[in-house]
């Protein structure tokens, strides 16, 4: 059987747009000679929908698009992530599900059995777990249907004790030869290697081929790498999708061979690609075409400016230098040189007069108290005020430029350099900032 892995970047809540993309990909898979095309977890809704699930009519509207997906399944099978009602009427109202369409109708439905509620996950809040493993015979193969966490029940891969059930083991007892895992697994550094190790363990443990189809893209603070994979029954990676971009690849379950679109990335290259994707998708999905950021002449703002130019194009990036009375002249020189090399727009707004006006206003109350961190923070807050004015007036997303190390020790100013709609490197340690800067300077 020729199986297409459809690595898709959905927009949360855009049922019409996501459905149209699914149908277009199904047609492409058909043209590639695929017998079955597999989409990620919650591909129709986008992951994670969070409290949108509590919005009246949200899930019901998503279900109105199932028929369109069924219509395009003539001559090709389609597995798509969706949200179903909990028909038992006990427990939570919904289930996180995989729908299997073929010949124009729904052939099978599987519900996620292991619901993660740790780290960034909160699925027990919304979903009732499935109670049985589901498989289907199709094109001469017995296919087991699992969803993300269902294949993670291995103690050294979990931050808690193992789950009481093992969906993959249950499928193996039913002689399943191909386990399909649709996923929306958020990115962290080197997670793709971890997932491949997990899939290899499951393949060799039960002698089953493992198909992993992951979401790609950025949704708010979460980034999804993609890197969908197919592993042989011996646990060897036989097909791999691209990283941090949409992709469609084909794997043959009979020959156990497939397309190899993935690249070997070192830690800095991987992190760079993740940050560019996260920034691009955050701006695009929030409908910002342009961004603004403060340029201090330092490495953090320089890195964020580079990321913004890569993600959105330099013509959509505005860098603003806001020199104050305590800035060295080299700071402005470096900021100007950076903007010139990147080809981004550049403005200079001295804040000396505003700083002195603020000190004069506060003088009667401060009296003879010595200058301290208060005055230093005044500068940062004036800069934040002016940058937010640029953001509001010109509909530009303000990017804050603080790194994780500084935020962890409080080396930042509330309502100052922390202002912004997206902290692009807020989860990047200073050591990684330097590594990224060296990579970009090659």
Protein backbone atom coordinates (compact mmCIF):
# COMPACT_ATOMS: atom_id res chain seq x y z
CA UNK A 1 0.00 0.00 0.00
CA UNK A 2 1.24 3.46 -0.91
CA UNK A 3 0.63 5.73 2.04
CA UNK A 4 0.94 9.53 1.89
CA UNK A 5 2.01 11.46 5.00
CA UNK A 6 0.41 14.92 4.86
CA UNK A 7 2.37 17.25 7.12
CA UNK A 8 0.02 20.22 7.39
CA UNK A 9 0.04 23.68 8.96
CA UNK A 10 -3.56 24.43 10.04
CA UNK A 11 -5.05 27.66 11.34
CA UNK A 12 -6.90 27.10 14.60
CA UNK A 13 -10.64 27.48 14.10
CA UNK A 14 -10.47 28.05 10.32
CA UNK A 15 -12.58 25.05 9.39
CA UNK A 16 -13.21 26.22 5.83
CA UNK A 17 -9.56 26.99 5.15
CA UNK A 18 -8.29 23.82 6.80
CA UNK A 19 -10.86 21.68 4.99
CA UNK A 20 -9.96 23.25 1.64
CA UNK A 21 -6.29 22.51 2.30
CA UNK A 22 -7.10 18.91 3.27
CA UNK A 23 -9.08 18.38 0.08
CA UNK A 24 -6.31 19.88 -2.05
CA UNK A 25 -3.69 17.65 -0.43
CA UNK A 26 -5.89 14.58 -0.93
CA UNK A 27 -5.94 15.33 -4.65
CA UNK A 28 -2.16 15.71 -4.71
CA UNK A 29 -1.78 12.40 -2.88
CA UNK A 30 -4.10 10.75 -5.39
CA UNK A 31 -1.93 12.05 -8.23
CA UNK A 32 1.13 10.54 -6.50
CA UNK A 33 -0.57 7.14 -6.61
CA UNK A 34 -1.31 6.92 -2.88
CA UNK A 35 -3.96 4.53 -1.63
CA UNK A 36 -4.27 6.32 1.73
CA UNK A 37 -3.41 9.83 2.93
CA UNK A 38 -2.92 10.59 6.63
CA UNK A 39 -3.28 14.03 8.26
CA UNK A 40 -2.17 15.19 11.73
CA UNK A 41 -4.08 15.28 14.99
CA UNK A 42 -7.00 17.74 14.90
CA UNK A 43 -6.03 18.77 11.36
CA UNK A 44 -9.53 20.08 10.72
CA UNK A 45 -9.59 22.31 13.81
CA UNK A 46 -5.90 23.09 14.39
CA UNK A 47 -4.10 22.16 17.59
CA UNK A 48 -4.50 23.25 20.35
CA UNK A 49 -8.04 24.71 20.20
CA UNK A 50 -8.10 25.11 24.01
CA UNK A 51 -11.13 27.04 25.33
CA UNK A 52 -12.55 27.49 21.85
CA UNK A 53 -13.92 24.01 22.52
CA UNK A 54 -16.17 25.61 25.15
CA UNK A 55 -17.56 28.10 22.65
CA UNK A 56 -21.15 27.14 21.77
CA UNK A 57 -21.31 25.68 18.29
CA UNK A 58 -17.54 25.45 17.73
CA UNK A 59 -17.30 21.66 17.58
CA UNK A 60 -20.68 21.36 15.86
CA UNK A 61 -19.56 23.69 13.07
CA UNK A 62 -16.36 21.71 12.58
CA UNK A 63 -18.43 18.56 12.11
CA UNK A 64 -20.28 20.19 9.21
CA UNK A 65 -17.07 19.83 7.15
CA UNK A 66 -16.76 16.07 7.59
CA UNK A 67 -18.96 15.52 4.55
CA UNK A 68 -16.59 17.47 2.30
CA UNK A 69 -13.68 15.30 3.39
CA UNK A 70 -15.76 12.21 2.80
CA UNK A 71 -16.60 13.39 -0.71
CA UNK A 72 -12.94 13.49 -1.76
CA UNK A 73 -12.27 9.99 -0.40
CA UNK A 74 -13.58 8.18 -3.48
CA UNK A 75 -10.72 6.00 -4.69
CA UNK A 76 -8.44 6.92 -1.78
CA UNK A 77 -8.57 6.50 1.98
CA UNK A 78 -8.30 9.55 4.24
CA UNK A 79 -7.39 9.63 7.94
CA UNK A 80 -7.99 13.03 9.51
CA UNK A 81 -7.81 14.38 13.06
CA UNK A 82 -11.06 15.86 14.40
CA UNK A 83 -13.11 16.36 17.57
CA UNK A 84 -16.19 14.19 18.16
CA UNK A 85 -19.01 14.32 20.67
CA UNK A 86 -18.76 11.94 23.60
CA UNK A 87 -21.77 9.83 22.75
CA UNK A 88 -21.68 8.02 26.09
CA UNK A 89 -22.97 11.23 27.72
CA UNK A 90 -20.71 10.51 30.71
CA UNK A 91 -17.61 12.49 31.60
CA UNK A 92 -16.23 15.22 29.36
CA UNK A 93 -18.30 16.34 26.36
CA UNK A 94 -15.80 15.58 23.57
CA UNK A 95 -13.26 13.10 22.31
CA UNK A 96 -10.02 13.75 20.44
CA UNK A 97 -10.51 11.53 17.40
CA UNK A 98 -9.17 10.13 14.15
CA UNK A 99 -11.72 9.70 11.35
CA UNK A 100 -11.14 7.15 8.57
CA UNK A 101 -12.93 7.92 5.29
CA UNK A 102 -13.00 5.76 2.15
CA UNK A 103 -15.35 5.40 -0.81
CA UNK A 104 -17.16 8.58 0.17
CA UNK A 105 -18.10 7.59 3.70
CA UNK A 106 -16.74 7.23 7.21
CA UNK A 107 -15.37 3.70 7.68
CA UNK A 108 -13.92 3.89 11.19
CA UNK A 109 -13.43 6.22 14.13
CA UNK A 110 -10.76 6.02 16.83
CA UNK A 111 -10.58 8.09 20.01
CA UNK A 112 -7.40 9.13 21.79
CA UNK A 113 -6.96 6.85 24.79
CA UNK A 114 -4.06 8.48 26.66
CA UNK A 115 -4.73 12.15 27.42
CA UNK A 116 -1.69 14.19 28.47
CA UNK A 117 -2.15 16.79 31.20
CA UNK A 118 1.39 17.94 31.92
CA UNK A 119 3.77 20.56 30.55
CA UNK A 120 1.82 22.48 27.84
CA UNK A 121 -0.95 19.87 27.66
CA UNK A 122 -4.37 20.10 29.32
CA UNK A 123 -6.42 17.52 27.42
CA UNK A 124 -8.16 15.97 30.42
CA UNK A 125 -9.90 19.33 30.84
CA UNK A 126 -11.81 18.91 27.56
CA UNK A 127 -11.81 15.28 26.44
CA UNK A 128 -13.00 11.90 27.57
CA UNK A 129 -10.46 9.16 26.74
CA UNK A 130 -11.22 6.38 24.30
CA UNK A 131 -11.78 2.96 25.83
CA UNK A 132 -10.68 0.61 23.06
CA UNK A 133 -7.98 0.20 20.45
CA UNK A 134 -9.30 0.57 16.89
CA UNK A 135 -7.95 -1.06 13.75
CA UNK A 136 -9.19 -1.37 10.20
CA UNK A 137 -8.31 -3.66 7.29
CA UNK A 138 -7.51 -1.62 4.18
CA UNK A 139 -5.67 -2.40 0.96
CA UNK A 140 -4.33 -5.66 2.31
CA UNK A 141 -2.96 -4.14 5.53
CA UNK A 142 -4.30 -4.15 9.07
CA UNK A 143 -3.93 -0.57 10.25
CA UNK A 144 -3.99 0.46 13.91
CA UNK A 145 -5.23 4.00 14.60
CA UNK A 146 -3.54 5.94 17.42
CA UNK A 147 -3.29 9.60 18.34
CA UNK A 148 -0.07 11.20 19.62
CA UNK A 149 0.24 10.25 23.33
CA UNK A 150 -1.14 6.77 22.61
CA UNK A 151 2.34 5.62 21.54
CA UNK A 152 4.19 7.35 24.42
CA UNK A 153 3.46 4.84 27.20
CA UNK A 154 7.07 4.16 28.10
CA UNK A 155 8.20 5.18 31.58
CA UNK A 156 11.48 6.84 30.57
CA UNK A 157 9.68 9.03 28.03
CA UNK A 158 7.04 10.34 30.43
CA UNK A 159 7.23 12.82 33.35
CA UNK A 160 4.97 10.53 35.41
CA UNK A 161 4.28 6.86 36.04
CA UNK A 162 3.19 4.87 32.96
CA UNK A 163 -0.48 4.89 31.98
CA UNK A 164 -2.48 1.82 33.02
CA UNK A 165 -3.23 1.00 29.36
CA UNK A 166 -0.93 0.42 26.39
CA UNK A 167 -2.76 1.08 23.09
CA UNK A 168 0.12 -0.15 20.90
CA UNK A 169 0.33 -3.45 22.79
CA UNK A 170 -3.43 -3.90 22.40
CA UNK A 171 -3.18 -3.35 18.65
CA UNK A 172 -0.28 -5.80 18.39
CA UNK A 173 -2.42 -8.48 20.04
CA UNK A 174 -4.92 -7.94 17.22
CA UNK A 175 -2.20 -8.64 14.62
CA UNK A 176 -1.91 -5.05 13.43
CA UNK A 177 0.97 -4.70 10.99
CA UNK A 178 1.02 -0.91 10.56
CA UNK A 179 0.45 1.47 13.48
CA UNK A 180 -0.57 4.95 12.33
CA UNK A 181 -0.01 7.76 14.81
CA UNK A 182 -1.49 11.16 14.01
CA UNK A 183 0.10 13.82 16.17
CA UNK A 184 0.42 17.46 17.13
CA UNK A 185 3.57 17.19 19.21
CA UNK A 186 5.03 20.58 20.24
CA UNK A 187 8.68 21.23 19.49
CA UNK A 188 11.62 21.39 21.81
CA UNK A 189 15.27 21.14 20.89
CA UNK A 190 16.16 17.69 19.52
CA UNK A 191 12.65 16.34 20.07
CA UNK A 192 12.61 14.71 16.62
CA UNK A 193 15.45 12.41 17.68
CA UNK A 194 13.55 11.53 20.85
CA UNK A 195 10.40 10.67 18.89
CA UNK A 196 12.35 8.54 16.43
CA UNK A 197 13.85 6.61 19.34
CA UNK A 198 10.35 6.07 20.77
CA UNK A 199 8.95 4.88 17.43
CA UNK A 200 11.92 2.56 16.93
CA UNK A 201 11.30 1.05 20.36
CA UNK A 202 7.63 0.40 19.52
CA UNK A 203 8.43 -1.02 16.06
CA UNK A 204 11.02 -3.49 17.37
CA UNK A 205 8.96 -4.35 20.42
CA UNK A 206 5.99 -5.54 18.35
CA UNK A 207 7.40 -6.01 14.83
CA UNK A 208 5.05 -3.37 13.41
CA UNK A 209 5.66 -0.57 10.96
CA UNK A 210 5.20 2.83 12.61
CA UNK A 211 3.73 5.81 10.72
CA UNK A 212 4.00 9.17 12.50
CA UNK A 213 2.29 12.23 10.96
CA UNK A 214 2.93 15.42 12.88
CA UNK A 215 1.48 18.92 12.60
CA UNK A 216 3.82 21.69 11.49
CA UNK A 217 3.71 25.45 12.14
CA UNK A 218 3.43 27.92 14.97
CA UNK A 219 0.33 28.47 17.09
CA UNK A 220 0.84 31.23 19.66
CA UNK A 221 3.72 30.14 21.91
CA UNK A 222 3.85 26.58 20.55
CA UNK A 223 5.91 25.52 17.54
CA UNK A 224 5.46 22.22 15.70
CA UNK A 225 8.42 20.83 13.80
CA UNK A 226 6.73 18.37 11.49
CA UNK A 227 9.47 15.80 10.77
CA UNK A 228 6.84 13.14 10.09
CA UNK A 229 8.33 9.65 9.75
CA UNK A 230 7.74 6.08 8.66
CA UNK A 231 9.73 3.30 10.34
CA UNK A 232 10.01 -0.27 9.13
CA UNK A 233 9.07 -3.25 11.29
CA UNK A 234 12.79 -3.48 12.12
CA UNK A 235 12.75 0.07 13.48
CA UNK A 236 14.69 1.66 10.64
CA UNK A 237 13.62 5.09 9.40
CA UNK A 238 12.46 4.59 5.81
CA UNK A 239 10.77 7.94 5.12
CA UNK A 240 11.04 11.39 6.64
CA UNK A 241 9.33 14.71 5.95
CA UNK A 242 10.94 18.13 5.95
CA UNK A 243 11.46 20.15 9.13
CA UNK A 244 9.48 23.32 9.92
CA UNK A 245 7.50 23.39 6.66
CA UNK A 246 4.54 21.67 5.08
CA UNK A 247 5.34 18.51 3.18
CA UNK A 248 3.78 15.50 1.47
CA UNK A 249 5.71 12.27 1.12
CA UNK A 250 4.88 8.71 0.13
CA UNK A 251 5.80 5.48 1.89
CA UNK A 252 5.20 1.97 0.53
CA UNK A 253 4.23 -0.46 3.28
CA UNK A 254 4.98 -3.48 1.07
CA UNK A 255 8.50 -2.44 0.09
CA UNK A 256 8.99 -0.52 3.36
CA UNK A 257 10.65 2.33 1.47
CA UNK A 258 9.70 5.96 1.03
CA UNK A 259 10.69 9.56 0.41
CA UNK A 260 13.45 11.19 2.44
CA UNK A 261 12.90 14.95 2.65
CA UNK A 262 14.39 15.57 6.09
CA UNK A 263 17.81 17.15 6.70
CA UNK A 264 20.29 16.62 9.48
CA UNK A 265 20.35 19.88 11.46
CA UNK A 266 22.68 20.76 14.29
CA UNK A 267 21.21 22.35 17.42
CA UNK A 268 21.71 25.94 16.26
CA UNK A 269 20.35 25.32 12.76
CA UNK A 270 17.30 23.59 14.21
CA UNK A 271 16.65 26.38 16.70
CA UNK A 272 17.04 29.05 14.02
CA UNK A 273 14.51 27.35 11.76
CA UNK A 274 12.07 26.95 14.66
CA UNK A 275 12.27 30.62 15.67
CA UNK A 276 11.81 31.84 12.09
CA UNK A 277 8.75 29.62 11.64
CA UNK A 278 7.30 30.62 15.01
CA UNK A 279 7.65 34.33 14.29
CA UNK A 280 6.34 34.04 10.73
CA UNK A 281 3.26 32.07 11.76
CA UNK A 282 2.51 34.21 14.81
CA UNK A 283 2.49 37.35 12.66
CA UNK A 284 0.62 35.74 9.76
CA UNK A 285 -2.04 34.03 11.85
CA UNK A 286 -2.61 37.20 13.90
CA UNK A 287 -2.83 39.13 10.61
CA UNK A 288 0.20 41.34 11.09
CA UNK A 289 2.17 42.06 7.93
CA UNK A 290 4.77 44.31 9.55
CA UNK A 291 6.76 44.42 12.78
CA UNK A 292 8.71 46.98 14.80
CA UNK A 293 11.44 46.49 17.39
CA UNK A 294 13.91 48.57 19.34
CA UNK A 295 17.52 48.33 18.20
CA UNK A 296 19.97 48.88 21.04
CA UNK A 297 23.15 47.93 19.24
CA UNK A 298 23.37 44.76 21.35
CA UNK A 299 23.30 41.13 20.33
CA UNK A 300 19.73 40.35 21.47
CA UNK A 301 18.00 43.01 19.39
CA UNK A 302 20.37 42.27 16.51
CA UNK A 303 19.35 38.60 16.57
CA UNK A 304 15.63 39.42 16.72
CA UNK A 305 16.02 41.84 13.80
CA UNK A 306 17.72 39.08 11.77
CA UNK A 307 14.96 36.60 12.62
CA UNK A 308 12.28 39.12 11.67
CA UNK A 309 13.94 39.88 8.33
CA UNK A 310 14.20 36.15 7.58
CA UNK A 311 10.62 35.43 8.64
CA UNK A 312 8.79 38.37 7.08
CA UNK A 313 11.19 39.98 4.63
CA UNK A 314 13.33 43.04 5.45
CA UNK A 315 10.84 45.40 3.81
CA UNK A 316 8.34 44.56 6.57
CA UNK A 317 10.70 45.24 9.51
CA UNK A 318 11.24 48.60 11.22
CA UNK A 319 14.09 49.03 13.67
CA UNK A 320 13.98 52.03 16.01
CA UNK A 321 16.98 53.31 17.94
CA UNK A 322 16.09 55.33 21.04
CA UNK A 323 19.37 56.76 22.41
CA UNK A 324 19.31 58.24 25.89
CA UNK A 325 21.75 60.18 28.05
CA UNK A 326 23.50 57.02 29.28
CA UNK A 327 24.07 55.34 25.90
CA UNK A 328 27.52 55.10 24.34
CA UNK A 329 27.74 56.53 20.79
CA UNK A 330 28.78 53.09 19.53
CA UNK A 331 25.32 51.72 20.35
CA UNK A 332 23.67 53.97 17.77
CA UNK A 333 26.44 53.33 15.24
CA UNK A 334 26.05 49.56 15.60
CA UNK A 335 22.25 49.73 15.34
CA UNK A 336 22.46 51.81 12.17
CA UNK A 337 25.03 49.46 10.63
CA UNK A 338 22.87 46.42 11.42
CA UNK A 339 19.79 47.98 9.81
CA UNK A 340 21.79 48.86 6.72
CA UNK A 341 23.20 45.35 6.32
CA UNK A 342 19.80 43.73 6.80
CA UNK A 343 18.03 46.20 4.52
CA UNK A 344 15.35 46.95 7.10
CA UNK A 345 13.77 50.35 7.74
CA UNK A 346 15.46 52.42 10.45
CA UNK A 347 14.44 55.38 12.59
CA UNK A 348 16.23 57.28 15.37
CA UNK A 349 14.26 58.93 18.18
CA UNK A 350 16.41 60.49 20.95
CA UNK A 351 14.70 60.20 24.33
CA UNK A 352 16.82 62.71 26.25
CA UNK A 353 14.15 65.42 26.36
CA UNK A 354 11.43 62.98 27.46
CA UNK A 355 13.74 61.58 30.13
CA UNK A 356 14.52 65.02 31.52
CA UNK A 357 10.82 65.98 31.44
CA UNK A 358 9.98 62.86 33.45
CA UNK A 359 12.71 63.62 35.99
CA UNK A 360 11.48 67.19 36.28
CA UNK A 361 7.93 65.99 36.84
CA UNK A 362 9.04 63.57 39.54
CA UNK A 363 11.60 65.94 41.10
CA UNK A 364 9.35 67.47 43.78
CA UNK A 365 8.50 64.00 45.08
CA UNK A 366 11.98 62.45 44.73
CA UNK A 367 13.67 65.43 46.39
CA UNK A 368 17.31 64.83 47.26
CA UNK A 369 17.15 61.05 46.92
CA UNK A 370 20.14 59.74 44.92
CA UNK A 371 19.67 58.45 41.38
CA UNK A 372 19.35 54.68 41.22
CA UNK A 373 17.62 51.93 39.24
CA UNK A 374 14.48 54.10 39.13
CA UNK A 375 16.03 56.49 36.64
CA UNK A 376 17.51 53.61 34.65
CA UNK A 377 14.07 52.05 34.37
CA UNK A 378 12.58 55.40 33.33
CA UNK A 379 14.66 55.16 30.15
CA UNK A 380 13.44 51.66 29.39
CA UNK A 381 9.82 52.63 30.02
CA UNK A 382 10.05 55.68 27.79
CA UNK A 383 11.37 53.43 25.04
CA UNK A 384 8.52 50.99 25.63
CA UNK A 385 6.00 53.84 25.45
CA UNK A 386 7.34 55.08 22.11
CA UNK A 387 7.64 51.63 20.56
CA UNK A 388 4.05 50.82 21.51
CA UNK A 389 3.01 54.11 19.88
CA UNK A 390 4.65 52.92 16.63
CA UNK A 391 2.85 49.61 17.01
CA UNK A 392 -0.57 51.19 17.53
CA UNK A 393 -0.29 53.93 14.91
CA UNK A 394 1.11 51.81 12.10
CA UNK A 395 -0.41 48.43 12.96
CA UNK A 396 2.99 46.83 13.45
CA UNK A 397 3.52 43.92 15.82
CA UNK A 398 6.02 44.98 18.48
CA UNK A 399 8.71 42.37 19.09
CA UNK A 400 10.34 42.33 22.50
CA UNK A 401 13.98 41.31 22.50
CA UNK A 402 14.78 39.92 25.97
CA UNK A 403 16.31 36.44 26.27
CA UNK A 404 15.45 33.68 28.72
CA UNK A 405 18.56 34.13 30.88
CA UNK A 406 17.82 37.80 31.50
CA UNK A 407 14.17 37.15 32.27
CA UNK A 408 15.08 34.30 34.63
CA UNK A 409 17.16 36.60 36.84
CA UNK A 410 14.96 39.68 36.46
CA UNK A 411 17.39 41.63 34.27
CA UNK A 412 14.58 43.35 32.40
CA UNK A 413 12.11 46.18 32.98
CA UNK A 414 8.39 45.66 33.42
CA UNK A 415 6.49 48.01 31.08
CA UNK A 416 9.82 48.78 29.41
CA UNK A 417 11.89 46.37 27.33
CA UNK A 418 9.35 43.65 28.17
CA UNK A 419 6.72 45.47 26.11
CA UNK A 420 5.65 43.64 23.00
CA UNK A 421 3.22 41.21 21.44
CA UNK A 422 5.78 38.43 21.01
CA UNK A 423 8.97 37.67 22.95
CA UNK A 424 10.79 36.06 20.03
CA UNK A 425 13.79 34.80 22.03
CA UNK A 426 12.06 34.71 25.42
CA UNK A 427 12.72 30.94 25.67
CA UNK A 428 16.29 31.14 24.32
CA UNK A 429 19.19 31.17 26.79
CA UNK A 430 21.98 33.72 26.34
CA UNK A 431 24.42 30.98 25.41
CA UNK A 432 22.10 29.95 22.56
CA UNK A 433 21.76 33.62 21.53
CA UNK A 434 25.52 33.76 21.01
CA UNK A 435 25.45 30.44 19.12
CA UNK A 436 22.72 31.72 16.79
CA UNK A 437 24.61 34.96 16.24
CA UNK A 438 27.72 33.01 15.25
CA UNK A 439 25.64 30.87 12.86
CA UNK A 440 24.15 33.94 11.17
CA UNK A 441 27.54 35.63 10.94
CA UNK A 442 29.08 32.82 8.87
